[in-house]
Amino acid sequence: MKHISKEGSVRVDLVGGTLDLSPINLILPEVVTLNVATTLTAKVKVEMQPAAQVTFISKDYHSKKEFSLQTINGPELCHKEFEQLWFLAEIVRFFSPTVGLVITTESGSPPGAGLGGSSAMGVTVFSALADFFAKKYSPHEMVMIVKDIEAKILGCGPTGYQDYFPAIFGGILALLPQIGQVQVSQLYSEHLCQTLQRQLTLVYSGDSRLSGINNWEVYKGFFDGNVEIIKGLAQIAEISHATYQAILDKSFDQVAALIGREGEIRRGLFPNIFSPKMEVFFSQLKEMLPHAGMKVCGAGGGGCFLVVHAADQKDAVASLLKKHDMQELEFEILPPKVAL
């Protein structure tokens, strides 16, 4: 029986998050967002089934839920009926299926981790369904469609675009906004990859949060003329561009410090970006390793963060994480999977 399997990387954002909100990305000068595709991957399998229904199987939640094709193709889907499956159901509805489907999913990251796991899953499901139904979409079209669907589901302002591209392209990406599109530049090299993996530790704090709310507060503040928010985003843009330039110049030894600096600005700009647990951890981290830094993934308030450190300090960071009952999420940066 016909089936399609796909995997899409969950990203770790390095610098320039929040700048991927339109039209902030076009108003501020020299905006660029940098992130990496990781071995934390969303996995999707789409299969045909004889019954006139769509069956969602989640390996993460050990759940199985079924909906008739009539319900999926109805005039409007609602959260009350689909609950946490609403996003995926809307993606399936976009294709107006006339045959029964079984969609099996497995996430690559913990819930509320700030790694864009739901977005990676969404665009991977979309890509699998496009292949299943033999529909042709460019990467940019897939991103824009899934981004709009996710914005509808979240219902709290615009969504950024950075979470979707690593699932499609892999590698180390620079996302540069232009009128009507996002230019994707592949920066992957073995040297840069190894440098980042030696100097970054990805941590799951155990706290989850909803990034869309933080993004909306920042978005609204920017257009309400909040001077501190405008200044902070401009500083993040400057550091992000400097990081991009350092990579282009192959000055890889500068990148980790710039990521840490971006994290400092983000912490000062956004209230509650550190959870109380993260505040305590950061204080002890600075006591132990004065030159180390922290960069919250996503919009913050919990979830995951990066510890930026010297290559020979990984064991010291791991020891401190154990003391605070926090989990290191081991990952590798995936090579490019799609040519630009």
C-alpha atoms as a PDB file:
ATOM      1  CA  MET A   1       0.000   0.000   0.000  1.00  0.00           C
ATOM      2  CA  LYS A   2       1.282   3.474  -0.881  1.00  0.00           C
ATOM      3  CA  HIS A   3       3.340   5.230   1.785  1.00  0.00           C
ATOM      4  CA  ILE A   4       5.787   8.139   2.150  1.00  0.00           C
ATOM      5  CA  SER A   5       8.314   8.654   4.978  1.00  0.00           C
ATOM      6  CA  LYS A   6      10.055  11.960   5.734  1.00  0.00           C
ATOM      7  CA  GLU A   7      12.353  13.422   8.358  1.00  0.00           C
ATOM      8  CA  GLY A   8      12.910  17.100   9.130  1.00  0.00           C
ATOM      9  CA  SER A   9      15.489  18.620  11.458  1.00  0.00           C
ATOM     10  CA  VAL A  10      14.564  20.559  14.547  1.00  0.00           C
ATOM     11  CA  ARG A  11      16.667  23.722  14.606  1.00  0.00           C
ATOM     12  CA  VAL A  12      18.823  25.376  17.208  1.00  0.00           C
ATOM     13  CA  ASP A  13      18.761  29.133  16.711  1.00  0.00           C
ATOM     14  CA  LEU A  14      22.134  30.822  17.063  1.00  0.00           C
ATOM     15  CA  VAL A  15      21.439  34.534  16.544  1.00  0.00           C
ATOM     16  CA  GLY A  16      18.749  36.713  15.026  1.00  0.00           C
ATOM     17  CA  GLY A  17      15.648  35.074  16.429  1.00  0.00           C
ATOM     18  CA  THR A  18      12.579  37.359  16.643  1.00  0.00           C
ATOM     19  CA  LEU A  19      14.014  39.262  13.666  1.00  0.00           C
ATOM     20  CA  ASP A  20      12.233  36.736  11.435  1.00  0.00           C
ATOM     21  CA  LEU A  21       8.894  38.484  11.981  1.00  0.00           C
ATOM     22  CA  SER A  22       7.591  40.462   9.016  1.00  0.00           C
ATOM     23  CA  PRO A  23       7.826  43.429   8.502  1.00  0.00           C
ATOM     24  CA  ILE A  24      10.309  43.962  11.374  1.00  0.00           C
ATOM     25  CA  ASN A  25      12.761  41.955   9.275  1.00  0.00           C
ATOM     26  CA  LEU A  26      12.475  44.535   6.484  1.00  0.00           C
ATOM     27  CA  ILE A  27      12.417  47.673   8.639  1.00  0.00           C
ATOM     28  CA  LEU A  28      15.634  47.013  10.562  1.00  0.00           C
ATOM     29  CA  PRO A  29      18.822  47.166   8.463  1.00  0.00           C
ATOM     30  CA  GLU A  30      20.976  44.157   7.579  1.00  0.00           C
ATOM     31  CA  VAL A  31      18.750  41.581   9.256  1.00  0.00           C
ATOM     32  CA  VAL A  32      19.906  37.976   9.201  1.00  0.00           C
ATOM     33  CA  THR A  33      18.871  34.951  11.257  1.00  0.00           C
ATOM     34  CA  LEU A  34      21.327  32.094  11.745  1.00  0.00           C
ATOM     35  CA  ASN A  35      20.426  28.586  12.851  1.00  0.00           C
ATOM     36  CA  VAL A  36      21.540  24.972  12.520  1.00  0.00           C
ATOM     37  CA  ALA A  37      19.729  21.787  11.550  1.00  0.00           C
ATOM     38  CA  THR A  38      20.224  19.097  14.155  1.00  0.00           C
ATOM     39  CA  THR A  39      20.019  15.342  14.509  1.00  0.00           C
ATOM     40  CA  LEU A  40      16.925  15.968  16.657  1.00  0.00           C
ATOM     41  CA  THR A  41      14.490  15.198  13.844  1.00  0.00           C
ATOM     42  CA  ALA A  42      10.741  15.121  13.354  1.00  0.00           C
ATOM     43  CA  LYS A  43       9.716  11.840  11.712  1.00  0.00           C
ATOM     44  CA  VAL A  44       6.566  11.408   9.621  1.00  0.00           C
ATOM     45  CA  LYS A  45       5.022   8.472   7.773  1.00  0.00           C
ATOM     46  CA  VAL A  46       1.949   8.859   5.552  1.00  0.00           C
ATOM     47  CA  GLU A  47       0.134   5.694   4.463  1.00  0.00           C
ATOM     48  CA  MET A  48      -3.040   5.007   2.514  1.00  0.00           C
ATOM     49  CA  GLN A  49      -5.809   3.077   4.267  1.00  0.00           C
ATOM     50  CA  PRO A  50      -9.109   1.635   2.973  1.00  0.00           C
ATOM     51  CA  ALA A  51     -11.301   3.346   5.572  1.00  0.00           C
ATOM     52  CA  ALA A  52     -12.589   6.826   4.664  1.00  0.00           C
ATOM     53  CA  GLN A  53     -10.829   8.464   7.556  1.00  0.00           C
ATOM     54  CA  VAL A  54      -7.581  10.062   8.693  1.00  0.00           C
ATOM     55  CA  THR A  55      -5.830   8.304  11.559  1.00  0.00           C
ATOM     56  CA  PHE A  56      -3.195  10.210  13.546  1.00  0.00           C
ATOM     57  CA  ILE A  57      -0.732   8.059  15.475  1.00  0.00           C
ATOM     58  CA  SER A  58       1.650   9.848  17.845  1.00  0.00           C
ATOM     59  CA  LYS A  59       4.639   7.852  19.056  1.00  0.00           C
ATOM     60  CA  ASP A  60       5.435  10.621  21.550  1.00  0.00           C
ATOM     61  CA  TYR A  61       2.058  10.507  23.279  1.00  0.00           C
ATOM     62  CA  HIS A  62       1.305   6.825  22.542  1.00  0.00           C
ATOM     63  CA  SER A  63      -2.014   7.957  21.123  1.00  0.00           C
ATOM     64  CA  LYS A  64      -4.222   7.104  18.158  1.00  0.00           C
ATOM     65  CA  LYS A  65      -7.093   9.311  17.007  1.00  0.00           C
ATOM     66  CA  GLU A  66      -9.376   8.943  14.006  1.00  0.00           C
ATOM     67  CA  PHE A  67     -11.452  11.480  12.068  1.00  0.00           C
ATOM     68  CA  SER A  68     -13.685  10.944   9.066  1.00  0.00           C
ATOM     69  CA  LEU A  69     -12.699  12.458   5.714  1.00  0.00           C
ATOM     70  CA  GLN A  70     -15.955  14.420   5.885  1.00  0.00           C
ATOM     71  CA  THR A  71     -14.821  16.007   9.154  1.00  0.00           C
ATOM     72  CA  ILE A  72     -11.303  16.744   7.872  1.00  0.00           C
ATOM     73  CA  ASN A  73     -12.689  18.340   4.701  1.00  0.00           C
ATOM     74  CA  GLY A  74     -15.373  20.284   6.552  1.00  0.00           C
ATOM     75  CA  PRO A  75     -15.775  24.062   6.172  1.00  0.00           C
ATOM     76  CA  GLU A  76     -13.932  24.847   9.406  1.00  0.00           C
ATOM     77  CA  LEU A  77     -11.910  22.826  11.882  1.00  0.00           C
ATOM     78  CA  CYS A  78     -11.840  23.742  15.547  1.00  0.00           C
ATOM     79  CA  HIS A  79      -9.538  23.266  18.497  1.00  0.00           C
ATOM     80  CA  LYS A  80     -12.289  21.753  20.625  1.00  0.00           C
ATOM     81  CA  GLU A  81     -12.592  18.746  18.330  1.00  0.00           C
ATOM     82  CA  PHE A  82      -8.952  18.225  17.361  1.00  0.00           C
ATOM     83  CA  GLU A  83      -7.115  19.588  20.437  1.00  0.00           C
ATOM     84  CA  GLN A  84      -3.321  19.163  19.987  1.00  0.00           C
ATOM     85  CA  LEU A  85      -3.890  17.703  16.493  1.00  0.00           C
ATOM     86  CA  TRP A  86      -5.521  20.872  15.170  1.00  0.00           C
ATOM     87  CA  PHE A  87      -2.351  22.102  13.432  1.00  0.00           C
ATOM     88  CA  LEU A  88      -1.702  18.812  11.633  1.00  0.00           C
ATOM     89  CA  ALA A  89      -5.387  18.416  10.774  1.00  0.00           C
ATOM     90  CA  GLU A  90      -5.373  21.841   9.093  1.00  0.00           C
ATOM     91  CA  ILE A  91      -2.333  20.807   7.043  1.00  0.00           C
ATOM     92  CA  VAL A  92      -4.092  17.617   5.939  1.00  0.00           C
ATOM     93  CA  ARG A  93      -7.239  19.634   5.131  1.00  0.00           C
ATOM     94  CA  PHE A  94      -5.172  21.869   2.828  1.00  0.00           C
ATOM     95  CA  PHE A  95      -4.753  18.861   0.493  1.00  0.00           C
ATOM     96  CA  SER A  96      -8.496  17.962   0.520  1.00  0.00           C
ATOM     97  CA  PRO A  97      -7.850  14.204   0.777  1.00  0.00           C
ATOM     98  CA  THR A  98     -10.290  11.832  -0.920  1.00  0.00           C
ATOM     99  CA  VAL A  99      -8.567   8.660   0.296  1.00  0.00           C
ATOM    100  CA  GLY A 100      -8.033   7.362   3.799  1.00  0.00           C
ATOM    101  CA  LEU A 101      -4.711   8.177   5.457  1.00  0.00           C
ATOM    102  CA  VAL A 102      -2.675   7.003   8.421  1.00  0.00           C
ATOM    103  CA  ILE A 103      -0.220   9.673   9.595  1.00  0.00           C
ATOM    104  CA  THR A 104       2.369   8.541  12.129  1.00  0.00           C
ATOM    105  CA  THR A 105       4.518  11.186  13.837  1.00  0.00           C
ATOM    106  CA  GLU A 106       7.443  11.271  16.225  1.00  0.00           C
ATOM    107  CA  SER A 107       8.857  14.565  17.482  1.00  0.00           C
ATOM    108  CA  GLY A 108      12.535  15.368  17.670  1.00  0.00           C
ATOM    109  CA  SER A 109      12.413  17.583  20.755  1.00  0.00           C
ATOM    110  CA  PRO A 110      10.698  17.849  24.144  1.00  0.00           C
ATOM    111  CA  PRO A 111       7.389  19.786  24.291  1.00  0.00           C
ATOM    112  CA  GLY A 112       7.799  23.539  24.763  1.00  0.00           C
ATOM    113  CA  ALA A 113      11.549  23.281  24.238  1.00  0.00           C
ATOM    114  CA  GLY A 114      11.892  26.455  22.187  1.00  0.00           C
ATOM    115  CA  LEU A 115      13.453  24.526  19.293  1.00  0.00           C
ATOM    116  CA  GLY A 116      10.602  25.014  16.851  1.00  0.00           C
ATOM    117  CA  GLY A 117       9.618  21.352  17.072  1.00  0.00           C
ATOM    118  CA  SER A 118       5.986  21.908  16.086  1.00  0.00           C
ATOM    119  CA  SER A 119       7.024  23.985  13.067  1.00  0.00           C
ATOM    120  CA  ALA A 120       9.542  21.349  11.962  1.00  0.00           C
ATOM    121  CA  MET A 121       6.846  18.700  12.319  1.00  0.00           C
ATOM    122  CA  GLY A 122       4.345  20.813  10.406  1.00  0.00           C
ATOM    123  CA  VAL A 123       6.547  21.440   7.383  1.00  0.00           C
ATOM    124  CA  THR A 124       7.696  17.790   7.377  1.00  0.00           C
ATOM    125  CA  VAL A 125       4.073  16.586   7.358  1.00  0.00           C
ATOM    126  CA  PHE A 126       3.313  19.054   4.565  1.00  0.00           C
ATOM    127  CA  SER A 127       6.290  17.840   2.519  1.00  0.00           C
ATOM    128  CA  ALA A 128       5.267  14.202   3.015  1.00  0.00           C
ATOM    129  CA  LEU A 129       1.679  14.917   1.952  1.00  0.00           C
ATOM    130  CA  ALA A 130       2.875  16.898  -1.074  1.00  0.00           C
ATOM    131  CA  ASP A 131       4.904  13.872  -2.189  1.00  0.00           C
ATOM    132  CA  PHE A 132       2.048  11.494  -1.395  1.00  0.00           C
ATOM    133  CA  PHE A 133      -0.400  13.472  -3.537  1.00  0.00           C
ATOM    134  CA  ALA A 134       2.238  14.326  -6.189  1.00  0.00           C
ATOM    135  CA  LYS A 135       1.889  18.084  -5.635  1.00  0.00           C
ATOM    136  CA  LYS A 136       4.841  20.335  -6.439  1.00  0.00           C
ATOM    137  CA  TYR A 137       5.736  23.158  -4.047  1.00  0.00           C
ATOM    138  CA  SER A 138       8.970  25.091  -3.759  1.00  0.00           C
ATOM    139  CA  PRO A 139      10.615  25.200  -0.318  1.00  0.00           C
ATOM    140  CA  HIS A 140       9.570  28.847   0.043  1.00  0.00           C
ATOM    141  CA  GLU A 141       5.953  28.025  -0.835  1.00  0.00           C
ATOM    142  CA  MET A 142       5.892  25.201   1.714  1.00  0.00           C
ATOM    143  CA  VAL A 143       7.257  27.472   4.430  1.00  0.00           C
ATOM    144  CA  MET A 144       4.794  30.282   3.731  1.00  0.00           C
ATOM    145  CA  ILE A 145       1.780  27.940   3.651  1.00  0.00           C
ATOM    146  CA  VAL A 146       2.663  26.086   6.849  1.00  0.00           C
ATOM    147  CA  LYS A 147       3.648  29.336   8.580  1.00  0.00           C
ATOM    148  CA  ASP A 148       0.224  30.817   7.804  1.00  0.00           C
ATOM    149  CA  ILE A 149      -1.542  27.704   9.061  1.00  0.00           C
ATOM    150  CA  GLU A 150       0.457  27.763  12.298  1.00  0.00           C
ATOM    151  CA  ALA A 151      -0.260  31.476  12.798  1.00  0.00           C
ATOM    152  CA  LYS A 152      -3.969  30.719  12.462  1.00  0.00           C
ATOM    153  CA  ILE A 153      -3.738  27.936  15.046  1.00  0.00           C
ATOM    154  CA  LEU A 154      -1.696  29.948  17.559  1.00  0.00           C
ATOM    155  CA  GLY A 155      -3.949  32.984  17.234  1.00  0.00           C
ATOM    156  CA  CYS A 156      -1.478  35.341  18.895  1.00  0.00           C
ATOM    157  CA  GLY A 157       0.065  37.421  16.128  1.00  0.00           C
ATOM    158  CA  PRO A 158       2.456  36.648  13.274  1.00  0.00           C
ATOM    159  CA  THR A 159       4.803  33.688  13.295  1.00  0.00           C
ATOM    160  CA  GLY A 160       8.470  33.809  12.353  1.00  0.00           C
ATOM    161  CA  TYR A 161       9.890  31.797   9.482  1.00  0.00           C
ATOM    162  CA  GLN A 162      13.195  30.523  10.838  1.00  0.00           C
ATOM    163  CA  ASP A 163      11.883  27.261  12.329  1.00  0.00           C
ATOM    164  CA  TYR A 164      10.814  25.753   9.002  1.00  0.00           C
ATOM    165  CA  PHE A 165      13.873  26.082   6.763  1.00  0.00           C
ATOM    166  CA  PRO A 166      16.301  23.737   8.621  1.00  0.00           C
ATOM    167  CA  ALA A 167      13.775  20.896   8.315  1.00  0.00           C
ATOM    168  CA  ILE A 168      13.907  21.325   4.531  1.00  0.00           C
ATOM    169  CA  PHE A 169      17.529  22.282   3.856  1.00  0.00           C
ATOM    170  CA  GLY A 170      19.630  20.925   6.729  1.00  0.00           C
ATOM    171  CA  GLY A 171      23.074  22.371   7.432  1.00  0.00           C
ATOM    172  CA  ILE A 172      23.914  25.786   8.872  1.00  0.00           C
ATOM    173  CA  LEU A 173      21.648  28.463   7.474  1.00  0.00           C
ATOM    174  CA  ALA A 174      21.622  32.216   7.090  1.00  0.00           C
ATOM    175  CA  LEU A 175      18.114  33.518   6.413  1.00  0.00           C
ATOM    176  CA  LEU A 176      18.124  36.939   4.777  1.00  0.00           C
ATOM    177  CA  PRO A 177      14.753  38.629   4.267  1.00  0.00           C
ATOM    178  CA  GLN A 178      13.871  40.315   0.988  1.00  0.00           C
ATOM    179  CA  ILE A 179      10.643  41.769  -0.356  1.00  0.00           C
ATOM    180  CA  GLY A 180       8.381  38.822  -1.094  1.00  0.00           C
ATOM    181  CA  GLN A 181      10.838  36.094  -0.112  1.00  0.00           C
ATOM    182  CA  VAL A 182      13.552  34.864   2.229  1.00  0.00           C
ATOM    183  CA  GLN A 183      16.983  34.208   0.759  1.00  0.00           C
ATOM    184  CA  VAL A 184      18.477  31.027   2.202  1.00  0.00           C
ATOM    185  CA  SER A 185      22.278  30.855   2.309  1.00  0.00           C
ATOM    186  CA  GLN A 186      23.984  27.559   3.181  1.00  0.00           C
ATOM    187  CA  LEU A 187      27.035  28.160   5.428  1.00  0.00           C
ATOM    188  CA  TYR A 188      27.856  24.567   6.317  1.00  0.00           C
ATOM    189  CA  SER A 189      31.482  23.468   6.505  1.00  0.00           C
ATOM    190  CA  GLU A 190      33.089  20.711   8.543  1.00  0.00           C
ATOM    191  CA  HIS A 191      35.325  23.250  10.285  1.00  0.00           C
ATOM    192  CA  LEU A 192      32.417  25.496  11.341  1.00  0.00           C
ATOM    193  CA  CYS A 193      30.343  22.473  12.322  1.00  0.00           C
ATOM    194  CA  GLN A 194      33.067  21.077  14.596  1.00  0.00           C
ATOM    195  CA  THR A 195      33.781  24.495  16.117  1.00  0.00           C
ATOM    196  CA  LEU A 196      30.128  25.008  17.078  1.00  0.00           C
ATOM    197  CA  GLN A 197      29.684  21.496  18.445  1.00  0.00           C
ATOM    198  CA  ARG A 198      32.745  21.862  20.696  1.00  0.00           C
ATOM    199  CA  GLN A 199      31.693  25.250  22.094  1.00  0.00           C
ATOM    200  CA  LEU A 200      27.929  24.853  22.496  1.00  0.00           C
ATOM    201  CA  THR A 201      25.936  22.691  24.906  1.00  0.00           C
ATOM    202  CA  LEU A 202      22.186  22.418  24.358  1.00  0.00           C
ATOM    203  CA  VAL A 203      20.176  22.133  27.564  1.00  0.00           C
ATOM    204  CA  TYR A 204      16.530  21.344  28.301  1.00  0.00           C
ATOM    205  CA  SER A 205      15.566  23.131  31.495  1.00  0.00           C
ATOM    206  CA  GLY A 206      12.471  21.018  32.119  1.00  0.00           C
ATOM    207  CA  ASP A 207      10.226  24.086  31.850  1.00  0.00           C
ATOM    208  CA  SER A 208       8.029  24.571  28.806  1.00  0.00           C
ATOM    209  CA  ARG A 209       6.613  27.778  27.428  1.00  0.00           C
ATOM    210  CA  LEU A 210       4.602  29.244  24.528  1.00  0.00           C
ATOM    211  CA  SER A 211       6.883  31.351  22.354  1.00  0.00           C
ATOM    212  CA  GLY A 212       4.070  32.921  20.341  1.00  0.00           C
ATOM    213  CA  ILE A 213       2.994  35.034  23.324  1.00  0.00           C
ATOM    214  CA  ASN A 214       6.472  36.501  23.833  1.00  0.00           C
ATOM    215  CA  ASN A 215       6.820  37.194  20.128  1.00  0.00           C
ATOM    216  CA  TRP A 216       3.513  39.041  20.074  1.00  0.00           C
ATOM    217  CA  GLU A 217       4.510  41.241  23.023  1.00  0.00           C
ATOM    218  CA  VAL A 218       7.750  42.157  21.256  1.00  0.00           C
ATOM    219  CA  TYR A 219       6.002  42.678  17.923  1.00  0.00           C
ATOM    220  CA  LYS A 220       3.374  44.923  19.458  1.00  0.00           C
ATOM    221  CA  GLY A 221       5.975  46.870  21.438  1.00  0.00           C
ATOM    222  CA  PHE A 222       8.045  47.488  18.297  1.00  0.00           C
ATOM    223  CA  PHE A 223       5.118  49.041  16.433  1.00  0.00           C
ATOM    224  CA  ASP A 224       3.857  50.873  19.505  1.00  0.00           C
ATOM    225  CA  GLY A 225       7.213  52.688  19.471  1.00  0.00           C
ATOM    226  CA  ASN A 226       8.676  51.114  22.607  1.00  0.00           C
ATOM    227  CA  VAL A 227      12.172  52.605  22.562  1.00  0.00           C
ATOM    228  CA  GLU A 228      13.796  49.789  24.558  1.00  0.00           C
ATOM    229  CA  ILE A 229      12.367  47.078  22.304  1.00  0.00           C
ATOM    230  CA  ILE A 230      13.356  48.906  19.122  1.00  0.00           C
ATOM    231  CA  LYS A 231      16.861  49.507  20.479  1.00  0.00           C
ATOM    232  CA  GLY A 232      17.214  45.903  21.658  1.00  0.00           C
ATOM    233  CA  LEU A 233      16.120  44.420  18.347  1.00  0.00           C
ATOM    234  CA  ALA A 234      18.473  46.767  16.507  1.00  0.00           C
ATOM    235  CA  GLN A 235      21.343  45.545  18.719  1.00  0.00           C
ATOM    236  CA  ILE A 236      20.394  41.924  18.035  1.00  0.00           C
ATOM    237  CA  ALA A 237      20.380  42.727  14.311  1.00  0.00           C
ATOM    238  CA  GLU A 238      23.867  44.239  14.556  1.00  0.00           C
ATOM    239  CA  ILE A 239      25.265  41.209  16.394  1.00  0.00           C
ATOM    240  CA  SER A 240      23.546  38.800  14.026  1.00  0.00           C
ATOM    241  CA  HIS A 241      25.058  40.545  11.011  1.00  0.00           C
ATOM    242  CA  ALA A 242      28.478  40.534  12.712  1.00  0.00           C
ATOM    243  CA  THR A 243      28.131  36.788  13.323  1.00  0.00           C
ATOM    244  CA  TYR A 244      27.174  36.200   9.705  1.00  0.00           C
ATOM    245  CA  GLN A 245      30.164  38.239   8.544  1.00  0.00           C
ATOM    246  CA  ALA A 246      32.514  36.353  10.880  1.00  0.00           C
ATOM    247  CA  ILE A 247      31.374  33.074   9.329  1.00  0.00           C
ATOM    248  CA  LEU A 248      31.805  34.436   5.802  1.00  0.00           C
ATOM    249  CA  ASP A 249      35.315  35.570   6.785  1.00  0.00           C
ATOM    250  CA  LYS A 250      35.986  32.131   8.315  1.00  0.00           C
ATOM    251  CA  SER A 251      36.691  33.794  11.666  1.00  0.00           C
ATOM    252  CA  PHE A 252      34.963  30.908  13.418  1.00  0.00           C
ATOM    253  CA  ASP A 253      36.698  31.607  16.747  1.00  0.00           C
ATOM    254  CA  GLN A 254      34.536  34.755  17.086  1.00  0.00           C
ATOM    255  CA  VAL A 255      31.170  33.063  16.601  1.00  0.00           C
ATOM    256  CA  ALA A 256      30.603  31.557  20.064  1.00  0.00           C
ATOM    257  CA  ALA A 257      31.302  34.851  21.850  1.00  0.00           C
ATOM    258  CA  LEU A 258      28.859  36.654  19.544  1.00  0.00           C
ATOM    259  CA  ILE A 259      26.162  34.072  20.293  1.00  0.00           C
ATOM    260  CA  GLY A 260      26.737  34.643  24.011  1.00  0.00           C
ATOM    261  CA  ARG A 261      26.554  38.406  23.528  1.00  0.00           C
ATOM    262  CA  GLU A 262      23.257  38.066  21.666  1.00  0.00           C
ATOM    263  CA  GLY A 263      21.974  36.041  24.607  1.00  0.00           C
ATOM    264  CA  GLU A 264      22.926  38.841  27.026  1.00  0.00           C
ATOM    265  CA  ILE A 265      21.058  41.465  25.015  1.00  0.00           C
ATOM    266  CA  ARG A 266      18.026  39.213  24.669  1.00  0.00           C
ATOM    267  CA  ARG A 267      17.995  38.598  28.436  1.00  0.00           C
ATOM    268  CA  GLY A 268      18.074  42.328  29.146  1.00  0.00           C
ATOM    269  CA  LEU A 269      15.413  43.084  26.546  1.00  0.00           C
ATOM    270  CA  PHE A 270      12.743  40.508  27.271  1.00  0.00           C
ATOM    271  CA  PRO A 271      11.298  40.177  30.787  1.00  0.00           C
ATOM    272  CA  ASN A 272      11.111  36.616  32.098  1.00  0.00           C
ATOM    273  CA  ILE A 273      13.114  35.138  29.229  1.00  0.00           C
ATOM    274  CA  PHE A 274      14.946  33.150  31.932  1.00  0.00           C
ATOM    275  CA  SER A 275      12.816  30.921  34.119  1.00  0.00           C
ATOM    276  CA  PRO A 276      13.679  31.024  37.852  1.00  0.00           C
ATOM    277  CA  LYS A 277      15.589  27.723  37.464  1.00  0.00           C
ATOM    278  CA  MET A 278      17.618  29.194  34.620  1.00  0.00           C
ATOM    279  CA  GLU A 279      18.442  32.322  36.638  1.00  0.00           C
ATOM    280  CA  VAL A 280      19.954  30.220  39.428  1.00  0.00           C
ATOM    281  CA  PHE A 281      21.860  28.069  36.944  1.00  0.00           C
ATOM    282  CA  PHE A 282      23.234  31.118  35.123  1.00  0.00           C
ATOM    283  CA  SER A 283      24.441  32.698  38.350  1.00  0.00           C
ATOM    284  CA  GLN A 284      26.388  29.576  39.306  1.00  0.00           C
ATOM    285  CA  LEU A 285      27.662  29.132  35.748  1.00  0.00           C
ATOM    286  CA  LYS A 286      29.230  32.616  35.822  1.00  0.00           C
ATOM    287  CA  GLU A 287      30.805  31.909  39.204  1.00  0.00           C
ATOM    288  CA  MET A 288      32.372  28.712  37.886  1.00  0.00           C
ATOM    289  CA  LEU A 289      33.165  29.869  34.313  1.00  0.00           C
ATOM    290  CA  PRO A 290      33.232  33.687  34.174  1.00  0.00           C
ATOM    291  CA  HIS A 291      33.627  33.801  30.390  1.00  0.00           C
ATOM    292  CA  ALA A 292      30.797  31.360  29.645  1.00  0.00           C
ATOM    293  CA  GLY A 293      27.450  32.596  28.374  1.00  0.00           C
ATOM    294  CA  MET A 294      23.845  31.535  27.912  1.00  0.00           C
ATOM    295  CA  LYS A 295      21.570  31.978  24.928  1.00  0.00           C
ATOM    296  CA  VAL A 296      17.898  31.088  25.308  1.00  0.00           C
ATOM    297  CA  CYS A 297      16.421  29.180  22.379  1.00  0.00           C
ATOM    298  CA  GLY A 298      13.267  30.607  20.868  1.00  0.00           C
ATOM    299  CA  ALA A 299      11.419  33.385  22.658  1.00  0.00           C
ATOM    300  CA  GLY A 300      12.334  32.089  26.096  1.00  0.00           C
ATOM    301  CA  GLY A 301      10.570  31.780  29.395  1.00  0.00           C
ATOM    302  CA  GLY A 302      11.693  28.176  29.797  1.00  0.00           C
ATOM    303  CA  GLY A 303      12.388  25.411  27.354  1.00  0.00           C
ATOM    304  CA  CYS A 304      15.918  25.050  26.009  1.00  0.00           C
ATOM    305  CA  PHE A 305      19.014  27.195  26.131  1.00  0.00           C
ATOM    306  CA  LEU A 306      22.560  27.098  24.835  1.00  0.00           C
ATOM    307  CA  VAL A 307      25.558  27.278  27.115  1.00  0.00           C
ATOM    308  CA  VAL A 308      28.445  28.947  25.281  1.00  0.00           C
ATOM    309  CA  HIS A 309      31.833  27.860  26.594  1.00  0.00           C
ATOM    310  CA  ALA A 310      35.427  27.039  25.691  1.00  0.00           C
ATOM    311  CA  ALA A 311      35.973  23.722  23.970  1.00  0.00           C
ATOM    312  CA  ASP A 312      37.643  22.206  27.076  1.00  0.00           C
ATOM    313  CA  GLN A 313      34.799  23.199  29.451  1.00  0.00           C
ATOM    314  CA  LYS A 314      32.109  20.735  28.360  1.00  0.00           C
ATOM    315  CA  ASP A 315      32.694  18.422  31.327  1.00  0.00           C
ATOM    316  CA  ALA A 316      32.412  21.304  33.808  1.00  0.00           C
ATOM    317  CA  VAL A 317      29.125  22.397  32.226  1.00  0.00           C
ATOM    318  CA  ALA A 318      27.813  18.813  32.314  1.00  0.00           C
ATOM    319  CA  SER A 319      28.633  18.585  36.026  1.00  0.00           C
ATOM    320  CA  LEU A 320      26.715  21.783  36.789  1.00  0.00           C
ATOM    321  CA  LEU A 321      23.724  20.602  34.744  1.00  0.00           C
ATOM    322  CA  LYS A 322      23.596  17.404  36.760  1.00  0.00           C
ATOM    323  CA  LYS A 323      23.577  19.428  39.976  1.00  0.00           C
ATOM    324  CA  HIS A 324      20.557  21.408  38.723  1.00  0.00           C
ATOM    325  CA  ASP A 325      18.748  18.339  37.367  1.00  0.00           C
ATOM    326  CA  MET A 326      18.784  19.727  33.851  1.00  0.00           C
ATOM    327  CA  GLN A 327      19.151  17.584  30.740  1.00  0.00           C
ATOM    328  CA  GLU A 328      21.760  18.013  28.039  1.00  0.00           C
ATOM    329  CA  LEU A 329      20.226  17.323  24.635  1.00  0.00           C
ATOM    330  CA  GLU A 330      23.082  15.802  22.704  1.00  0.00           C
ATOM    331  CA  PHE A 331      22.981  16.628  19.013  1.00  0.00           C
ATOM    332  CA  GLU A 332      25.089  16.897  15.918  1.00  0.00           C
ATOM    333  CA  ILE A 333      24.689  19.431  13.130  1.00  0.00           C
ATOM    334  CA  LEU A 334      23.375  17.720  10.026  1.00  0.00           C
ATOM    335  CA  PRO A 335      25.008  18.338   6.651  1.00  0.00           C
ATOM    336  CA  PRO A 336      22.919  19.993   3.930  1.00  0.00           C
ATOM    337  CA  LYS A 337      20.175  17.752   2.533  1.00  0.00           C
ATOM    338  CA  VAL A 338      18.866  19.978  -0.285  1.00  0.00           C
ATOM    339  CA  ALA A 339      20.990  21.943  -2.729  1.00  0.00           C
ATOM    340  CA  LEU A 340      20.252  25.658  -2.921  1.00  0.00           C
END
